[in-house]
Amino acid sequence: MRIDTCGTSCPQPVLMTKKALDSNPAADKIEVLTDNNTSKTNVKKYLSSNGFNVEIEEDDDTFVLRGTK
């Protein structure tokens, strides 16, 4: 599952991530795109607190957070 949160500011990226996971509770992989540091940090914390291991890749001005269980 992939979520593009670029152009939004907190708390929207975390809420979008939560909504996606709530609608698919069996998900064991998620990819979240964001374009600011605060969202990157907050989404990473949210995913980690929900049992995901998170890897972050920076691509120009976009961060790609890949969460796996």
N, C-alpha and C. Protein backbone atom coordinates (compact mmCIF):
# COMPACT_ATOMS: atom_id res chain seq x y z
N MET A 1 0.85 -1.16 0.00
CA MET A 1 0.00 0.00 0.00
C MET A 1 0.90 1.23 0.00
N ARG A 2 0.51 2.22 -0.77
CA ARG A 2 1.31 3.44 -0.91
C ARG A 2 0.43 4.66 -0.67
N ILE A 3 0.94 5.58 0.15
CA ILE A 3 0.20 6.79 0.48
C ILE A 3 1.07 7.99 0.14
N ASP A 4 0.52 8.91 -0.61
CA ASP A 4 1.25 10.13 -0.96
C ASP A 4 0.68 11.28 -0.12
N THR A 5 1.48 11.74 0.84
CA THR A 5 1.04 12.82 1.71
C THR A 5 1.73 14.14 1.38
N CYS A 6 2.42 14.18 0.23
CA CYS A 6 3.13 15.40 -0.16
C CYS A 6 2.15 16.57 -0.29
N GLY A 7 2.59 17.71 0.17
CA GLY A 7 1.75 18.91 0.10
C GLY A 7 0.85 19.09 1.30
N THR A 8 0.88 18.14 2.23
CA THR A 8 0.07 18.27 3.44
C THR A 8 0.99 18.48 4.63
N SER A 9 0.45 19.09 5.67
CA SER A 9 1.27 19.30 6.87
C SER A 9 0.64 18.56 8.04
N CYS A 10 1.43 18.35 9.07
CA CYS A 10 0.95 17.61 10.24
C CYS A 10 -0.23 18.32 10.88
N PRO A 11 -1.18 17.53 11.29
CA PRO A 11 -1.14 16.08 11.49
C PRO A 11 -1.67 15.26 10.32
N GLN A 12 -1.97 15.88 9.18
CA GLN A 12 -2.58 15.15 8.06
C GLN A 12 -1.84 13.89 7.64
N PRO A 13 -0.52 13.90 7.45
CA PRO A 13 0.16 12.67 7.02
C PRO A 13 -0.02 11.51 8.01
N VAL A 14 0.02 11.80 9.30
CA VAL A 14 -0.19 10.74 10.29
C VAL A 14 -1.63 10.24 10.23
N LEU A 15 -2.58 11.16 10.10
CA LEU A 15 -3.99 10.76 10.02
C LEU A 15 -4.27 9.95 8.76
N MET A 16 -3.64 10.32 7.65
CA MET A 16 -3.81 9.56 6.40
C MET A 16 -3.22 8.17 6.54
N THR A 17 -2.08 8.08 7.20
CA THR A 17 -1.44 6.77 7.43
C THR A 17 -2.31 5.91 8.33
N LYS A 18 -2.84 6.51 9.40
CA LYS A 18 -3.72 5.78 10.33
C LYS A 18 -4.96 5.28 9.60
N LYS A 19 -5.57 6.13 8.79
CA LYS A 19 -6.78 5.73 8.06
C LYS A 19 -6.50 4.56 7.12
N ALA A 20 -5.36 4.60 6.44
CA ALA A 20 -4.99 3.51 5.52
C ALA A 20 -4.79 2.21 6.28
N LEU A 21 -4.12 2.28 7.43
CA LEU A 21 -3.89 1.06 8.22
C LEU A 21 -5.19 0.56 8.86
N ASP A 22 -6.05 1.48 9.29
CA ASP A 22 -7.34 1.08 9.87
C ASP A 22 -8.21 0.36 8.83
N SER A 23 -8.12 0.80 7.57
CA SER A 23 -8.94 0.18 6.53
C SER A 23 -8.34 -1.13 6.02
N ASN A 24 -7.09 -1.40 6.39
CA ASN A 24 -6.43 -2.63 5.97
C ASN A 24 -5.58 -3.15 7.14
N PRO A 25 -6.22 -3.65 8.19
CA PRO A 25 -5.49 -4.03 9.40
C PRO A 25 -4.50 -5.19 9.21
N ALA A 26 -4.63 -5.95 8.15
CA ALA A 26 -3.71 -7.07 7.92
C ALA A 26 -2.46 -6.63 7.15
N ALA A 27 -2.36 -5.35 6.83
CA ALA A 27 -1.22 -4.87 6.05
C ALA A 27 0.09 -5.12 6.79
N ASP A 28 1.05 -5.68 6.06
CA ASP A 28 2.36 -5.89 6.66
C ASP A 28 3.44 -5.06 5.96
N LYS A 29 3.00 -4.28 4.95
CA LYS A 29 3.90 -3.35 4.25
C LYS A 29 3.14 -2.07 3.97
N ILE A 30 3.85 -0.96 4.11
CA ILE A 30 3.26 0.33 3.77
C ILE A 30 4.38 1.25 3.31
N GLU A 31 4.05 2.11 2.37
CA GLU A 31 5.01 3.09 1.88
C GLU A 31 4.33 4.45 1.95
N VAL A 32 4.97 5.39 2.64
CA VAL A 32 4.41 6.73 2.81
C VAL A 32 5.37 7.74 2.23
N LEU A 33 4.87 8.59 1.34
CA LEU A 33 5.67 9.67 0.77
C LEU A 33 5.31 10.96 1.48
N THR A 34 6.32 11.72 1.85
CA THR A 34 6.09 13.02 2.46
C THR A 34 7.18 13.98 2.00
N ASP A 35 6.91 15.26 2.13
CA ASP A 35 7.88 16.24 1.64
C ASP A 35 8.34 17.22 2.71
N ASN A 36 8.18 16.82 4.00
CA ASN A 36 8.74 17.69 5.04
C ASN A 36 9.23 16.88 6.23
N ASN A 37 10.22 17.43 6.91
CA ASN A 37 10.88 16.73 8.00
C ASN A 37 9.97 16.40 9.17
N THR A 38 9.09 17.32 9.52
CA THR A 38 8.20 17.07 10.66
C THR A 38 7.30 15.88 10.39
N SER A 39 6.72 15.83 9.21
CA SER A 39 5.86 14.70 8.85
C SER A 39 6.66 13.41 8.81
N LYS A 40 7.87 13.48 8.27
CA LYS A 40 8.73 12.29 8.22
C LYS A 40 8.93 11.73 9.62
N THR A 41 9.26 12.59 10.55
CA THR A 41 9.50 12.16 11.93
C THR A 41 8.24 11.61 12.57
N ASN A 42 7.12 12.31 12.40
CA ASN A 42 5.87 11.88 13.05
C ASN A 42 5.31 10.60 12.45
N VAL A 43 5.39 10.44 11.14
CA VAL A 43 4.90 9.20 10.51
C VAL A 43 5.79 8.03 10.93
N LYS A 44 7.09 8.26 10.99
CA LYS A 44 8.00 7.20 11.44
C LYS A 44 7.65 6.76 12.86
N LYS A 45 7.43 7.71 13.75
CA LYS A 45 7.06 7.38 15.13
C LYS A 45 5.74 6.60 15.16
N TYR A 46 4.78 7.04 14.36
CA TYR A 46 3.48 6.35 14.34
C TYR A 46 3.63 4.91 13.84
N LEU A 47 4.35 4.73 12.75
CA LEU A 47 4.52 3.38 12.21
C LEU A 47 5.27 2.49 13.20
N SER A 48 6.32 3.02 13.79
CA SER A 48 7.11 2.25 14.77
C SER A 48 6.25 1.84 15.95
N SER A 49 5.39 2.74 16.41
CA SER A 49 4.54 2.42 17.56
C SER A 49 3.47 1.39 17.21
N ASN A 50 3.27 1.15 15.92
CA ASN A 50 2.31 0.15 15.47
C ASN A 50 2.99 -1.10 14.94
N GLY A 51 4.25 -1.31 15.35
CA GLY A 51 4.93 -2.57 15.05
C GLY A 51 5.66 -2.65 13.73
N PHE A 52 5.82 -1.53 13.04
CA PHE A 52 6.51 -1.54 11.76
C PHE A 52 7.98 -1.19 11.95
N ASN A 53 8.83 -1.87 11.19
CA ASN A 53 10.23 -1.46 11.05
C ASN A 53 10.25 -0.47 9.90
N VAL A 54 10.88 0.68 10.12
CA VAL A 54 10.79 1.75 9.12
C VAL A 54 12.17 2.08 8.56
N GLU A 55 12.23 2.09 7.23
CA GLU A 55 13.42 2.55 6.51
C GLU A 55 13.03 3.83 5.78
N ILE A 56 13.94 4.79 5.78
CA ILE A 56 13.65 6.07 5.14
C ILE A 56 14.65 6.30 4.02
N GLU A 57 14.11 6.66 2.87
CA GLU A 57 14.93 6.99 1.70
C GLU A 57 14.59 8.42 1.30
N GLU A 58 15.62 9.21 1.05
CA GLU A 58 15.38 10.59 0.62
C GLU A 58 15.61 10.68 -0.88
N ASP A 59 14.62 11.20 -1.59
CA ASP A 59 14.68 11.34 -3.03
C ASP A 59 14.38 12.81 -3.36
N ASP A 60 15.41 13.58 -3.65
CA ASP A 60 15.28 15.03 -3.84
C ASP A 60 14.64 15.64 -2.60
N ASP A 61 13.47 16.24 -2.73
CA ASP A 61 12.81 16.87 -1.59
C ASP A 61 11.72 15.99 -1.00
N THR A 62 11.71 14.72 -1.36
CA THR A 62 10.68 13.80 -0.89
C THR A 62 11.31 12.70 -0.06
N PHE A 63 10.62 12.33 1.02
CA PHE A 63 11.04 11.22 1.85
C PHE A 63 10.11 10.05 1.60
N VAL A 64 10.69 8.87 1.44
CA VAL A 64 9.91 7.66 1.26
C VAL A 64 10.13 6.81 2.51
N LEU A 65 9.06 6.61 3.27
CA LEU A 65 9.13 5.78 4.47
C LEU A 65 8.55 4.41 4.12
N ARG A 66 9.35 3.38 4.28
CA ARG A 66 8.90 2.02 3.98
C ARG A 66 8.79 1.27 5.29
N GLY A 67 7.56 0.90 5.62
CA GLY A 67 7.32 0.15 6.85
C GLY A 67 7.01 -1.30 6.55
N THR A 68 7.67 -2.19 7.28
CA THR A 68 7.40 -3.63 7.14
C THR A 68 7.27 -4.23 8.53
N LYS A 69 6.46 -5.28 8.61
CA LYS A 69 6.29 -6.00 9.89
C LYS A 69 7.05 -7.29 9.81
